[in-house]
Amino acid sequence: MNARTRVLVATAVPAERDAVARAFPGAAEEVRLPGATLLRTDGGHDLLAAGVGPALAAASTATALTAAALTGTPYGLVVSAGIGGGFQPEAPVGSLVVADAITAADLGAETPDGFLPVTDLGFGTVTHLPSNSLVRGVVEATGARPGTVLTVSTVTGTAARAAALRERHPRALAEGMEGFGVAEAAAAHGVPVLEIRAVSNPVGPRDRAAWRIGDALAALAGAFGKIAPALESWNTHDD
């Protein structure tokens, strides 16, 4: 990847987008798309508040990717970024996680013998694998923990659910609601994808008093301040 490569950063909500924007000095230009608005930074990064959940995140990301392709200025990388729950004790509150696997945790079917992923039913995919070299670059720049980041449509709120997810996905470090949707859109356009999560709360029993959203947003902003060189120096031949 060179300095002219365009990067699309997709977050769920404006607060996450604005946290990422703090890593890029200078004024950002608003660019309106059908159903979405980008913030275009001076450094060549476009920031998109894509919406909550995998479906809306996929639709908004696809819109941005299509608009860029139609104008002859396609993106070279898509980054799904935001805060999320961390599996304890491996991903404590305030830590950073970078996905070496982006997995849809609840896309499939319940059966008398347990959950079956959609791939076991003969359809689609449930996992996207980011670039190994890009993941390493983020780890080296930020100290983020590499592992599986799960995408769920329903946030985990019980210890039993957390245990079930860890049993099915032993390498899971975090969960969010958008990564897989963003990755599906990127894959449809043949664009590499990355996911970064700052941990705001433990995965498990729902306890809003234990959430540290402000700390997680600060960690997210700090991460992007450190990884910009890694994004700019990476290219697809590094893998």
C-alpha atoms as a PDB file:
ATOM      1  CA  MET A   1       0.000   0.000   0.000  1.00  0.00           C
ATOM      2  CA  ASN A   2       1.340   3.443  -0.824  1.00  0.00           C
ATOM      3  CA  ALA A   3       0.398   6.885   0.446  1.00  0.00           C
ATOM      4  CA  ARG A   4      -2.112   7.389  -2.373  1.00  0.00           C
ATOM      5  CA  THR A   5      -4.125   4.300  -1.517  1.00  0.00           C
ATOM      6  CA  ARG A   6      -7.522   5.241  -0.172  1.00  0.00           C
ATOM      7  CA  VAL A   7      -8.666   3.751   3.136  1.00  0.00           C
ATOM      8  CA  LEU A   8     -12.302   3.480   4.226  1.00  0.00           C
ATOM      9  CA  VAL A   9     -12.827   3.266   8.001  1.00  0.00           C
ATOM     10  CA  ALA A  10     -16.324   2.046   8.892  1.00  0.00           C
ATOM     11  CA  THR A  11     -17.596   2.515  12.434  1.00  0.00           C
ATOM     12  CA  ALA A  12     -21.042   1.853  13.852  1.00  0.00           C
ATOM     13  CA  VAL A  13     -21.921   5.253  15.308  1.00  0.00           C
ATOM     14  CA  PRO A  14     -20.731   8.874  14.985  1.00  0.00           C
ATOM     15  CA  ALA A  15     -18.999   8.799  18.402  1.00  0.00           C
ATOM     16  CA  GLU A  16     -16.660   6.065  17.143  1.00  0.00           C
ATOM     17  CA  ARG A  17     -16.137   7.843  13.821  1.00  0.00           C
ATOM     18  CA  ASP A  18     -15.297  11.083  15.622  1.00  0.00           C
ATOM     19  CA  ALA A  19     -12.830   9.256  17.899  1.00  0.00           C
ATOM     20  CA  VAL A  20     -11.005   7.934  14.840  1.00  0.00           C
ATOM     21  CA  ALA A  21     -11.105  11.393  13.257  1.00  0.00           C
ATOM     22  CA  ARG A  22      -9.095  12.786  16.183  1.00  0.00           C
ATOM     23  CA  ALA A  23      -6.101  10.841  14.885  1.00  0.00           C
ATOM     24  CA  PHE A  24      -6.093  12.866  11.654  1.00  0.00           C
ATOM     25  CA  PRO A  25      -5.310  16.575  12.045  1.00  0.00           C
ATOM     26  CA  GLY A  26      -6.944  19.161   9.864  1.00  0.00           C
ATOM     27  CA  ALA A  27     -10.473  19.790   8.738  1.00  0.00           C
ATOM     28  CA  ALA A  28     -12.541  16.915   7.392  1.00  0.00           C
ATOM     29  CA  GLU A  29     -14.869  17.347   4.435  1.00  0.00           C
ATOM     30  CA  GLU A  30     -18.389  15.944   4.552  1.00  0.00           C
ATOM     31  CA  VAL A  31     -19.301  13.856   1.503  1.00  0.00           C
ATOM     32  CA  ARG A  32     -22.937  12.821   1.195  1.00  0.00           C
ATOM     33  CA  LEU A  33     -23.784   9.436  -0.311  1.00  0.00           C
ATOM     34  CA  PRO A  34     -27.173   7.748  -0.700  1.00  0.00           C
ATOM     35  CA  GLY A  35     -28.089   6.837   2.860  1.00  0.00           C
ATOM     36  CA  ALA A  36     -24.673   7.693   4.325  1.00  0.00           C
ATOM     37  CA  THR A  37     -22.253  10.555   4.958  1.00  0.00           C
ATOM     38  CA  LEU A  38     -18.463  10.295   4.830  1.00  0.00           C
ATOM     39  CA  LEU A  39     -15.884  12.420   6.589  1.00  0.00           C
ATOM     40  CA  ARG A  40     -12.921  12.783   4.216  1.00  0.00           C
ATOM     41  CA  THR A  41      -9.633  13.539   5.966  1.00  0.00           C
ATOM     42  CA  ASP A  42      -6.536  15.191   4.552  1.00  0.00           C
ATOM     43  CA  GLY A  43      -4.592  11.942   4.968  1.00  0.00           C
ATOM     44  CA  GLY A  44      -6.631   9.969   2.452  1.00  0.00           C
ATOM     45  CA  HIS A  45      -8.836   8.196   4.986  1.00  0.00           C
ATOM     46  CA  ASP A  46     -12.613   8.315   4.597  1.00  0.00           C
ATOM     47  CA  LEU A  47     -14.554   7.776   7.812  1.00  0.00           C
ATOM     48  CA  LEU A  48     -18.052   6.306   7.674  1.00  0.00           C
ATOM     49  CA  ALA A  49     -20.574   5.886  10.487  1.00  0.00           C
ATOM     50  CA  ALA A  50     -22.097   2.837   8.836  1.00  0.00           C
ATOM     51  CA  GLY A  51     -24.790   2.024  11.403  1.00  0.00           C
ATOM     52  CA  VAL A  52     -25.389  -0.601  14.072  1.00  0.00           C
ATOM     53  CA  GLY A  53     -25.565  -4.283  13.184  1.00  0.00           C
ATOM     54  CA  PRO A  54     -24.136  -6.401  10.371  1.00  0.00           C
ATOM     55  CA  ALA A  55     -26.894  -5.703   7.822  1.00  0.00           C
ATOM     56  CA  LEU A  56     -26.773  -1.907   7.935  1.00  0.00           C
ATOM     57  CA  ALA A  57     -22.979  -1.925   8.207  1.00  0.00           C
ATOM     58  CA  ALA A  58     -22.764  -4.076   5.073  1.00  0.00           C
ATOM     59  CA  ALA A  59     -25.223  -1.908   3.141  1.00  0.00           C
ATOM     60  CA  SER A  60     -23.536   1.384   4.055  1.00  0.00           C
ATOM     61  CA  THR A  61     -20.039   0.046   3.393  1.00  0.00           C
ATOM     62  CA  ALA A  62     -21.135  -1.342   0.029  1.00  0.00           C
ATOM     63  CA  THR A  63     -22.595   2.065  -0.853  1.00  0.00           C
ATOM     64  CA  ALA A  64     -19.292   3.793  -0.096  1.00  0.00           C
ATOM     65  CA  LEU A  65     -17.271   1.176  -1.985  1.00  0.00           C
ATOM     66  CA  THR A  66     -19.547   1.382  -5.008  1.00  0.00           C
ATOM     67  CA  ALA A  67     -19.497   5.185  -5.073  1.00  0.00           C
ATOM     68  CA  ALA A  68     -15.696   5.184  -4.971  1.00  0.00           C
ATOM     69  CA  ALA A  69     -15.435   2.593  -7.727  1.00  0.00           C
ATOM     70  CA  LEU A  70     -17.852   4.494  -9.977  1.00  0.00           C
ATOM     71  CA  THR A  71     -15.757   7.669  -9.674  1.00  0.00           C
ATOM     72  CA  GLY A  72     -12.560   5.800 -10.535  1.00  0.00           C
ATOM     73  CA  THR A  73     -11.061   6.240  -7.061  1.00  0.00           C
ATOM     74  CA  PRO A  74     -11.519   2.831  -5.405  1.00  0.00           C
ATOM     75  CA  TYR A  75     -10.435   2.054  -1.882  1.00  0.00           C
ATOM     76  CA  GLY A  76      -7.431  -0.164  -1.250  1.00  0.00           C
ATOM     77  CA  LEU A  77      -8.407  -1.172   2.274  1.00  0.00           C
ATOM     78  CA  VAL A  78     -11.513  -1.230   4.463  1.00  0.00           C
ATOM     79  CA  VAL A  79     -11.162  -1.064   8.254  1.00  0.00           C
ATOM     80  CA  SER A  80     -14.026  -1.943  10.585  1.00  0.00           C
ATOM     81  CA  ALA A  81     -13.338  -0.016  13.776  1.00  0.00           C
ATOM     82  CA  GLY A  82     -15.137   0.570  17.035  1.00  0.00           C
ATOM     83  CA  ILE A  83     -15.590  -0.424  20.632  1.00  0.00           C
ATOM     84  CA  GLY A  84     -16.842  -3.818  21.752  1.00  0.00           C
ATOM     85  CA  GLY A  85     -16.994  -6.442  24.435  1.00  0.00           C
ATOM     86  CA  GLY A  86     -13.866  -8.332  25.454  1.00  0.00           C
ATOM     87  CA  PHE A  87     -13.648 -11.940  26.612  1.00  0.00           C
ATOM     88  CA  GLN A  88     -12.021 -12.077  30.022  1.00  0.00           C
ATOM     89  CA  PRO A  89      -9.257 -12.266  31.081  1.00  0.00           C
ATOM     90  CA  GLU A  90      -7.545 -12.225  27.685  1.00  0.00           C
ATOM     91  CA  ALA A  91      -9.031  -8.901  26.526  1.00  0.00           C
ATOM     92  CA  PRO A  92      -9.498  -6.616  29.544  1.00  0.00           C
ATOM     93  CA  VAL A  93     -11.447  -3.366  29.459  1.00  0.00           C
ATOM     94  CA  GLY A  94      -9.374  -0.655  27.808  1.00  0.00           C
ATOM     95  CA  SER A  95      -7.291  -3.037  25.697  1.00  0.00           C
ATOM     96  CA  LEU A  96      -7.122  -3.210  21.907  1.00  0.00           C
ATOM     97  CA  VAL A  97      -7.928  -6.251  19.786  1.00  0.00           C
ATOM     98  CA  VAL A  98      -7.116  -6.710  16.098  1.00  0.00           C
ATOM     99  CA  ALA A  99      -8.916  -9.476  14.256  1.00  0.00           C
ATOM    100  CA  ASP A 100      -6.907 -12.170  12.540  1.00  0.00           C
ATOM    101  CA  ALA A 101     -10.316 -13.754  11.866  1.00  0.00           C
ATOM    102  CA  ILE A 102     -13.663 -11.950  11.505  1.00  0.00           C
ATOM    103  CA  THR A 103     -16.405 -14.463  12.270  1.00  0.00           C
ATOM    104  CA  ALA A 104     -20.201 -14.338  12.233  1.00  0.00           C
ATOM    105  CA  ALA A 105     -21.007 -16.084  15.501  1.00  0.00           C
ATOM    106  CA  ASP A 106     -24.774 -16.473  15.168  1.00  0.00           C
ATOM    107  CA  LEU A 107     -25.279 -16.947  11.420  1.00  0.00           C
ATOM    108  CA  GLY A 108     -26.689 -20.451  11.096  1.00  0.00           C
ATOM    109  CA  ALA A 109     -29.300 -22.692  12.655  1.00  0.00           C
ATOM    110  CA  GLU A 110     -30.172 -24.037  16.084  1.00  0.00           C
ATOM    111  CA  THR A 111     -30.626 -27.815  16.160  1.00  0.00           C
ATOM    112  CA  PRO A 112     -31.367 -30.381  18.895  1.00  0.00           C
ATOM    113  CA  ASP A 113     -27.632 -31.126  18.849  1.00  0.00           C
ATOM    114  CA  GLY A 114     -26.584 -27.497  19.109  1.00  0.00           C
ATOM    115  CA  PHE A 115     -25.747 -24.589  16.818  1.00  0.00           C
ATOM    116  CA  LEU A 116     -24.737 -25.165  13.189  1.00  0.00           C
ATOM    117  CA  PRO A 117     -22.954 -22.392  11.271  1.00  0.00           C
ATOM    118  CA  VAL A 118     -24.409 -21.530   7.889  1.00  0.00           C
ATOM    119  CA  THR A 119     -21.423 -23.164   6.187  1.00  0.00           C
ATOM    120  CA  ASP A 120     -22.465 -26.527   7.664  1.00  0.00           C
ATOM    121  CA  LEU A 121     -25.802 -26.002   5.944  1.00  0.00           C
ATOM    122  CA  GLY A 122     -24.030 -25.624   2.612  1.00  0.00           C
ATOM    123  CA  PHE A 123     -24.262 -21.848   2.231  1.00  0.00           C
ATOM    124  CA  GLY A 124     -22.030 -18.801   2.239  1.00  0.00           C
ATOM    125  CA  THR A 125     -19.188 -18.128   4.608  1.00  0.00           C
ATOM    126  CA  VAL A 126     -18.833 -17.288   8.286  1.00  0.00           C
ATOM    127  CA  THR A 127     -15.217 -16.109   8.464  1.00  0.00           C
ATOM    128  CA  HIS A 128     -13.050 -13.559   6.679  1.00  0.00           C
ATOM    129  CA  LEU A 129      -9.274 -13.553   7.228  1.00  0.00           C
ATOM    130  CA  PRO A 130      -7.464 -10.200   7.227  1.00  0.00           C
ATOM    131  CA  SER A 131      -3.930  -9.867   5.882  1.00  0.00           C
ATOM    132  CA  ASN A 132      -1.376 -11.506   8.192  1.00  0.00           C
ATOM    133  CA  SER A 133       1.207  -8.811   7.554  1.00  0.00           C
ATOM    134  CA  LEU A 134      -1.274  -6.017   8.207  1.00  0.00           C
ATOM    135  CA  VAL A 135      -2.383  -7.631  11.467  1.00  0.00           C
ATOM    136  CA  ARG A 136       1.270  -7.924  12.505  1.00  0.00           C
ATOM    137  CA  GLY A 137       1.835  -4.279  11.675  1.00  0.00           C
ATOM    138  CA  VAL A 138      -1.058  -3.199  13.890  1.00  0.00           C
ATOM    139  CA  VAL A 139       0.142  -5.439  16.720  1.00  0.00           C
ATOM    140  CA  GLU A 140       3.661  -3.984  16.501  1.00  0.00           C
ATOM    141  CA  ALA A 141       2.401  -0.403  16.357  1.00  0.00           C
ATOM    142  CA  THR A 142      -0.203  -0.580  19.118  1.00  0.00           C
ATOM    143  CA  GLY A 143       0.365  -3.691  21.240  1.00  0.00           C
ATOM    144  CA  ALA A 144      -3.106  -4.897  20.258  1.00  0.00           C
ATOM    145  CA  ARG A 145      -3.928  -8.527  20.941  1.00  0.00           C
ATOM    146  CA  PRO A 146      -4.548 -10.569  17.763  1.00  0.00           C
ATOM    147  CA  GLY A 147      -7.383 -13.090  17.719  1.00  0.00           C
ATOM    148  CA  THR A 148     -10.876 -13.842  16.498  1.00  0.00           C
ATOM    149  CA  VAL A 149     -13.420 -11.031  16.695  1.00  0.00           C
ATOM    150  CA  LEU A 150     -16.994 -12.292  16.657  1.00  0.00           C
ATOM    151  CA  THR A 151     -19.857 -10.464  14.984  1.00  0.00           C
ATOM    152  CA  VAL A 152     -23.204 -10.922  16.737  1.00  0.00           C
ATOM    153  CA  SER A 153     -26.659  -9.553  16.013  1.00  0.00           C
ATOM    154  CA  THR A 154     -27.545  -9.727  19.710  1.00  0.00           C
ATOM    155  CA  VAL A 155     -25.013  -8.480  22.253  1.00  0.00           C
ATOM    156  CA  THR A 156     -24.092 -11.107  24.825  1.00  0.00           C
ATOM    157  CA  GLY A 157     -25.725 -10.449  28.202  1.00  0.00           C
ATOM    158  CA  THR A 158     -25.309 -13.653  30.217  1.00  0.00           C
ATOM    159  CA  ALA A 159     -22.468 -15.817  31.460  1.00  0.00           C
ATOM    160  CA  ALA A 160     -24.037 -18.855  29.781  1.00  0.00           C
ATOM    161  CA  ARG A 161     -24.048 -17.158  26.382  1.00  0.00           C
ATOM    162  CA  ALA A 162     -20.448 -16.012  26.818  1.00  0.00           C
ATOM    163  CA  ALA A 163     -19.373 -19.536  27.732  1.00  0.00           C
ATOM    164  CA  ALA A 164     -21.205 -20.998  24.725  1.00  0.00           C
ATOM    165  CA  LEU A 165     -19.476 -18.567  22.372  1.00  0.00           C
ATOM    166  CA  ARG A 166     -16.056 -19.362  23.811  1.00  0.00           C
ATOM    167  CA  GLU A 167     -16.728 -23.076  23.506  1.00  0.00           C
ATOM    168  CA  ARG A 168     -17.518 -22.690  19.797  1.00  0.00           C
ATOM    169  CA  HIS A 169     -14.773 -20.114  19.208  1.00  0.00           C
ATOM    170  CA  PRO A 170     -11.841 -20.791  21.574  1.00  0.00           C
ATOM    171  CA  ARG A 171      -9.696 -18.037  20.021  1.00  0.00           C
ATOM    172  CA  ALA A 172     -12.352 -15.341  20.400  1.00  0.00           C
ATOM    173  CA  LEU A 173     -11.099 -12.190  22.101  1.00  0.00           C
ATOM    174  CA  ALA A 174     -13.917  -9.741  21.418  1.00  0.00           C
ATOM    175  CA  GLU A 175     -17.387  -9.318  20.012  1.00  0.00           C
ATOM    176  CA  GLY A 176     -18.952  -6.508  18.018  1.00  0.00           C
ATOM    177  CA  MET A 177     -21.958  -6.064  15.755  1.00  0.00           C
ATOM    178  CA  GLU A 178     -20.534  -4.820  12.458  1.00  0.00           C
ATOM    179  CA  GLY A 179     -17.238  -6.468  11.480  1.00  0.00           C
ATOM    180  CA  PHE A 180     -18.616  -9.364   9.466  1.00  0.00           C
ATOM    181  CA  GLY A 181     -21.026  -7.112   7.569  1.00  0.00           C
ATOM    182  CA  VAL A 182     -18.203  -4.742   6.664  1.00  0.00           C
ATOM    183  CA  ALA A 183     -16.043  -7.702   5.635  1.00  0.00           C
ATOM    184  CA  GLU A 184     -18.794  -9.122   3.404  1.00  0.00           C
ATOM    185  CA  ALA A 185     -19.077  -5.806   1.573  1.00  0.00           C
ATOM    186  CA  ALA A 186     -15.301  -5.536   1.193  1.00  0.00           C
ATOM    187  CA  ALA A 187     -15.070  -9.109  -0.109  1.00  0.00           C
ATOM    188  CA  ALA A 188     -17.751  -8.423  -2.713  1.00  0.00           C
ATOM    189  CA  HIS A 189     -15.553  -5.616  -4.051  1.00  0.00           C
ATOM    190  CA  GLY A 190     -12.303  -7.563  -3.759  1.00  0.00           C
ATOM    191  CA  VAL A 191     -10.903  -5.135  -1.162  1.00  0.00           C
ATOM    192  CA  PRO A 192      -8.841  -6.300   1.860  1.00  0.00           C
ATOM    193  CA  VAL A 193     -10.414  -5.823   5.270  1.00  0.00           C
ATOM    194  CA  LEU A 194      -9.202  -5.278   8.829  1.00  0.00           C
ATOM    195  CA  GLU A 195     -11.077  -5.060  12.139  1.00  0.00           C
ATOM    196  CA  ILE A 196      -9.938  -3.222  15.264  1.00  0.00           C
ATOM    197  CA  ARG A 197     -11.868  -3.133  18.547  1.00  0.00           C
ATOM    198  CA  ALA A 198     -11.212  -1.197  21.745  1.00  0.00           C
ATOM    199  CA  VAL A 199     -12.718  -3.100  24.664  1.00  0.00           C
ATOM    200  CA  SER A 200     -15.361  -1.128  26.557  1.00  0.00           C
ATOM    201  CA  ASN A 201     -16.910  -3.921  28.655  1.00  0.00           C
ATOM    202  CA  PRO A 202     -16.550  -7.593  29.514  1.00  0.00           C
ATOM    203  CA  VAL A 203     -18.507 -10.112  27.445  1.00  0.00           C
ATOM    204  CA  GLY A 204     -20.999 -11.677  29.840  1.00  0.00           C
ATOM    205  CA  PRO A 205     -23.685 -10.515  32.282  1.00  0.00           C
ATOM    206  CA  ARG A 206     -24.984  -7.130  31.196  1.00  0.00           C
ATOM    207  CA  ASP A 207     -23.766  -4.474  33.641  1.00  0.00           C
ATOM    208  CA  ARG A 208     -23.838  -0.953  32.229  1.00  0.00           C
ATOM    209  CA  ALA A 209     -22.105   0.387  35.326  1.00  0.00           C
ATOM    210  CA  ALA A 210     -19.007  -1.613  34.368  1.00  0.00           C
ATOM    211  CA  TRP A 211     -18.801  -0.203  30.837  1.00  0.00           C
ATOM    212  CA  ARG A 212     -15.960   2.244  30.121  1.00  0.00           C
ATOM    213  CA  ILE A 213     -17.033   3.722  26.820  1.00  0.00           C
ATOM    214  CA  GLY A 214     -15.009   6.921  27.167  1.00  0.00           C
ATOM    215  CA  ASP A 215     -11.804   4.993  27.896  1.00  0.00           C
ATOM    216  CA  ALA A 216     -12.441   2.682  24.953  1.00  0.00           C
ATOM    217  CA  LEU A 217     -13.036   5.587  22.561  1.00  0.00           C
ATOM    218  CA  ALA A 218      -9.789   7.187  23.748  1.00  0.00           C
ATOM    219  CA  ALA A 219      -7.959   3.910  23.145  1.00  0.00           C
ATOM    220  CA  LEU A 220      -9.466   3.710  19.658  1.00  0.00           C
ATOM    221  CA  ALA A 221      -8.314   7.231  18.830  1.00  0.00           C
ATOM    222  CA  GLY A 222      -4.837   6.465  20.138  1.00  0.00           C
ATOM    223  CA  ALA A 223      -4.650   3.298  18.073  1.00  0.00           C
ATOM    224  CA  PHE A 224      -5.353   5.115  14.821  1.00  0.00           C
ATOM    225  CA  GLY A 225      -2.737   7.703  15.666  1.00  0.00           C
ATOM    226  CA  LYS A 226      -0.200   4.871  15.772  1.00  0.00           C
ATOM    227  CA  ILE A 227      -1.311   2.660  12.888  1.00  0.00           C
ATOM    228  CA  ALA A 228      -1.505   5.261  10.123  1.00  0.00           C
ATOM    229  CA  PRO A 229       2.116   4.517   9.046  1.00  0.00           C
ATOM    230  CA  ALA A 230       1.362   0.771   9.055  1.00  0.00           C
ATOM    231  CA  LEU A 231      -1.656   1.310   6.824  1.00  0.00           C
ATOM    232  CA  GLU A 232       0.309   3.516   4.459  1.00  0.00           C
ATOM    233  CA  SER A 233       3.348   1.209   4.175  1.00  0.00           C
ATOM    234  CA  TRP A 234       1.454  -2.076   3.787  1.00  0.00           C
ATOM    235  CA  ASN A 235       0.826  -3.613   0.393  1.00  0.00           C
ATOM    236  CA  THR A 236      -0.806  -6.827  -0.748  1.00  0.00           C
ATOM    237  CA  HIS A 237       2.565  -8.333  -1.692  1.00  0.00           C
ATOM    238  CA  ASP A 238       3.637  -8.407   1.971  1.00  0.00           C
ATOM    239  CA  ASP A 239       1.643 -11.641   2.584  1.00  0.00           C
END
